Amino acid sequence: MKFTLPLESRKLSSLLEKAVSREAKLWKAYVPKKPTNQVSLSADSSGLFGSHRDR
């Protein structure tokens, strides 16, 4: 399909951008916030992350 008018081309571009944006929101993976250093350090020292020190 070929559009000869710039307006039609801009409309198509806008529609495609909106569709891609919607798809990105649907497929966006949930990324939890990083824990604070205190929580992270206590978890590391308890061996929850399989530290190499124990081997």
C-alpha atoms as a PDB file:
ATOM      1  CA  MET A   1       0.000   0.000   0.000  1.00  0.00           C
ATOM      2  CA  LYS A   2       1.507   3.278  -1.090  1.00  0.00           C
ATOM      3  CA  PHE A   3       0.575   6.645   0.429  1.00  0.00           C
ATOM      4  CA  THR A   4       1.159   9.667  -1.739  1.00  0.00           C
ATOM      5  CA  LEU A   5       0.060  12.338   0.697  1.00  0.00           C
ATOM      6  CA  PRO A   6       2.374  13.412   3.513  1.00  0.00           C
ATOM      7  CA  LEU A   7      -0.596  13.611   5.885  1.00  0.00           C
ATOM      8  CA  GLU A   8      -1.465   9.952   5.338  1.00  0.00           C
ATOM      9  CA  SER A   9       2.150   9.024   5.870  1.00  0.00           C
ATOM     10  CA  ARG A  10       2.256  10.940   9.139  1.00  0.00           C
ATOM     11  CA  LYS A  11      -0.981   9.317  10.284  1.00  0.00           C
ATOM     12  CA  LEU A  12       0.410   5.874   9.539  1.00  0.00           C
ATOM     13  CA  SER A  13       3.634   6.688  11.341  1.00  0.00           C
ATOM     14  CA  SER A  14       1.718   7.937  14.367  1.00  0.00           C
ATOM     15  CA  LEU A  15      -0.517   4.864  14.447  1.00  0.00           C
ATOM     16  CA  LEU A  16       2.479   2.540  14.203  1.00  0.00           C
ATOM     17  CA  GLU A  17       4.297   4.356  17.004  1.00  0.00           C
ATOM     18  CA  LYS A  18       1.230   4.112  19.245  1.00  0.00           C
ATOM     19  CA  ALA A  19       0.836   0.417  18.474  1.00  0.00           C
ATOM     20  CA  VAL A  20       4.484  -0.291  19.239  1.00  0.00           C
ATOM     21  CA  SER A  21       4.227   1.686  22.459  1.00  0.00           C
ATOM     22  CA  ARG A  22       1.163  -0.318  23.539  1.00  0.00           C
ATOM     23  CA  GLU A  23       2.905  -3.595  22.734  1.00  0.00           C
ATOM     24  CA  ALA A  24       5.994  -2.549  24.679  1.00  0.00           C
ATOM     25  CA  LYS A  25       3.848  -1.788  27.727  1.00  0.00           C
ATOM     26  CA  LEU A  26       2.122  -5.161  27.456  1.00  0.00           C
ATOM     27  CA  TRP A  27       5.372  -7.107  27.175  1.00  0.00           C
ATOM     28  CA  LYS A  28       7.461  -5.055  29.573  1.00  0.00           C
ATOM     29  CA  ALA A  29       8.929  -7.323  32.223  1.00  0.00           C
ATOM     30  CA  TYR A  30       8.475  -6.437  35.859  1.00  0.00           C
ATOM     31  CA  VAL A  31      11.816  -5.500  37.389  1.00  0.00           C
ATOM     32  CA  PRO A  32      11.694  -5.205  41.172  1.00  0.00           C
ATOM     33  CA  LYS A  33      13.592  -2.410  42.844  1.00  0.00           C
ATOM     34  CA  LYS A  34      17.042  -3.242  44.145  1.00  0.00           C
ATOM     35  CA  PRO A  35      17.126  -3.973  47.859  1.00  0.00           C
ATOM     36  CA  THR A  36      18.976  -1.586  50.117  1.00  0.00           C
ATOM     37  CA  ASN A  37      22.633  -2.332  50.839  1.00  0.00           C
ATOM     38  CA  GLN A  38      21.790  -3.439  54.363  1.00  0.00           C
ATOM     39  CA  VAL A  39      19.325  -6.073  53.166  1.00  0.00           C
ATOM     40  CA  SER A  40      21.632  -7.158  50.365  1.00  0.00           C
ATOM     41  CA  LEU A  41      24.645  -7.526  52.648  1.00  0.00           C
ATOM     42  CA  SER A  42      22.758  -9.497  55.279  1.00  0.00           C
ATOM     43  CA  ALA A  43      21.410 -11.842  52.602  1.00  0.00           C
ATOM     44  CA  ASP A  44      24.925 -12.361  51.184  1.00  0.00           C
ATOM     45  CA  SER A  45      26.416 -13.114  54.596  1.00  0.00           C
ATOM     46  CA  SER A  46      23.733 -15.692  55.357  1.00  0.00           C
ATOM     47  CA  GLY A  47      24.613 -17.644  52.230  1.00  0.00           C
ATOM     48  CA  LEU A  48      21.330 -17.135  50.407  1.00  0.00           C
ATOM     49  CA  PHE A  49      23.144 -16.371  47.171  1.00  0.00           C
ATOM     50  CA  GLY A  50      25.489 -19.365  47.264  1.00  0.00           C
ATOM     51  CA  SER A  51      28.708 -17.579  48.105  1.00  0.00           C
ATOM     52  CA  HIS A  52      31.932 -19.297  47.083  1.00  0.00           C
ATOM     53  CA  ARG A  53      33.353 -18.936  50.612  1.00  0.00           C
ATOM     54  CA  ASP A  54      31.398 -21.946  51.808  1.00  0.00           C
ATOM     55  CA  ARG A  55      32.912 -24.295  49.246  1.00  0.00           C
END
